[in-house]
Amino acid sequence: MLLFNRDTWQEIFGSIKKNKARTIITVIGVLWGIFIYIVLSGAAKGLDHGFEEKFEDVAMNSMFAWAQQTSVP
């Protein structure tokens, strides 16, 4: 059993040819989304690596607190 028969493929490609502007805008949107995903994933990985490198000497089970005056009495 085929997923798509010949008529379905003809309908798909006919729709693509008929709506060229919409097809181009959709392709640009998908490519832009993939690009942004890659950029944000790389930035997150870089931040993760930066934090690990910055805090690798600090004990992982430590907590630090500084006592300072607050604006609320």
Protein backbone atom coordinates (compact mmCIF):
# COMPACT_ATOMS: atom_id res chain seq x y z
CA MET A 1 0.00 0.00 0.00
CA LEU A 2 1.47 3.33 -1.05
CA LEU A 3 1.43 6.32 1.22
CA PHE A 4 0.51 8.64 -1.65
CA ASN A 5 -0.81 7.57 -5.01
CA ARG A 6 -0.11 9.34 -8.29
CA ASP A 7 -3.20 11.57 -8.08
CA THR A 8 -2.17 12.81 -4.66
CA TRP A 9 1.33 13.74 -5.91
CA GLN A 10 -0.19 15.53 -8.90
CA GLU A 11 -2.46 17.49 -6.58
CA ILE A 12 0.47 18.42 -4.31
CA PHE A 13 2.71 19.62 -7.13
CA GLY A 14 -0.21 21.36 -8.84
CA SER A 15 -0.90 23.28 -5.65
CA ILE A 16 2.77 24.20 -5.33
CA LYS A 17 2.88 25.49 -8.92
CA LYS A 18 -0.39 27.38 -8.50
CA ASN A 19 0.65 29.12 -5.26
CA LYS A 20 4.29 30.01 -5.94
CA ALA A 21 4.42 33.03 -3.63
CA ARG A 22 2.93 31.12 -0.72
CA THR A 23 5.30 28.22 -1.36
CA ILE A 24 8.35 30.51 -1.43
CA ILE A 25 7.28 32.31 1.74
CA THR A 26 6.70 28.97 3.47
CA VAL A 27 10.12 27.67 2.44
CA ILE A 28 11.79 30.88 3.64
CA GLY A 29 9.92 30.61 6.95
CA VAL A 30 10.99 27.01 7.48
CA LEU A 31 14.62 27.78 6.60
CA TRP A 32 14.58 30.82 8.90
CA GLY A 33 13.18 28.70 11.74
CA ILE A 34 15.88 26.06 11.27
CA PHE A 35 18.56 28.77 11.18
CA ILE A 36 17.29 30.41 14.38
CA TYR A 37 17.07 27.02 16.09
CA ILE A 38 20.71 26.30 15.22
CA VAL A 39 21.85 29.75 16.39
CA LEU A 40 19.97 29.53 19.69
CA SER A 41 21.16 25.97 20.31
CA GLY A 42 24.74 27.08 19.72
CA ALA A 43 24.31 30.07 22.02
CA ALA A 44 22.84 27.88 24.76
CA LYS A 45 25.67 25.38 24.38
CA GLY A 46 28.20 28.22 24.55
CA LEU A 47 26.60 29.67 27.68
CA ASP A 48 26.51 26.23 29.28
CA HIS A 49 30.17 25.69 28.49
CA GLY A 50 31.02 29.18 29.77
CA PHE A 51 29.23 28.64 33.08
CA GLU A 52 30.86 25.25 33.54
CA GLU A 53 34.28 26.73 32.83
CA LYS A 54 33.68 29.72 35.12
CA PHE A 55 32.37 27.72 38.07
CA GLU A 56 34.40 24.51 37.78
CA ASP A 57 36.55 25.51 40.77
CA VAL A 58 33.55 26.31 42.98
CA ALA A 59 32.17 23.43 45.03
CA MET A 60 29.00 22.12 43.43
CA ASN A 61 27.20 21.62 46.76
CA SER A 62 27.94 25.10 48.14
CA MET A 63 25.64 28.07 48.56
CA PHE A 64 26.80 31.64 49.06
CA ALA A 65 24.78 34.46 50.63
CA TRP A 66 25.69 38.10 51.10
CA ALA A 67 23.98 40.23 53.74
CA GLN A 68 23.16 43.69 52.48
CA GLN A 69 20.70 46.39 53.35
CA THR A 70 17.44 46.22 51.39
CA SER A 71 15.22 49.05 50.23
CA VAL A 72 12.26 47.59 52.17
CA PRO A 73 12.47 48.12 55.97
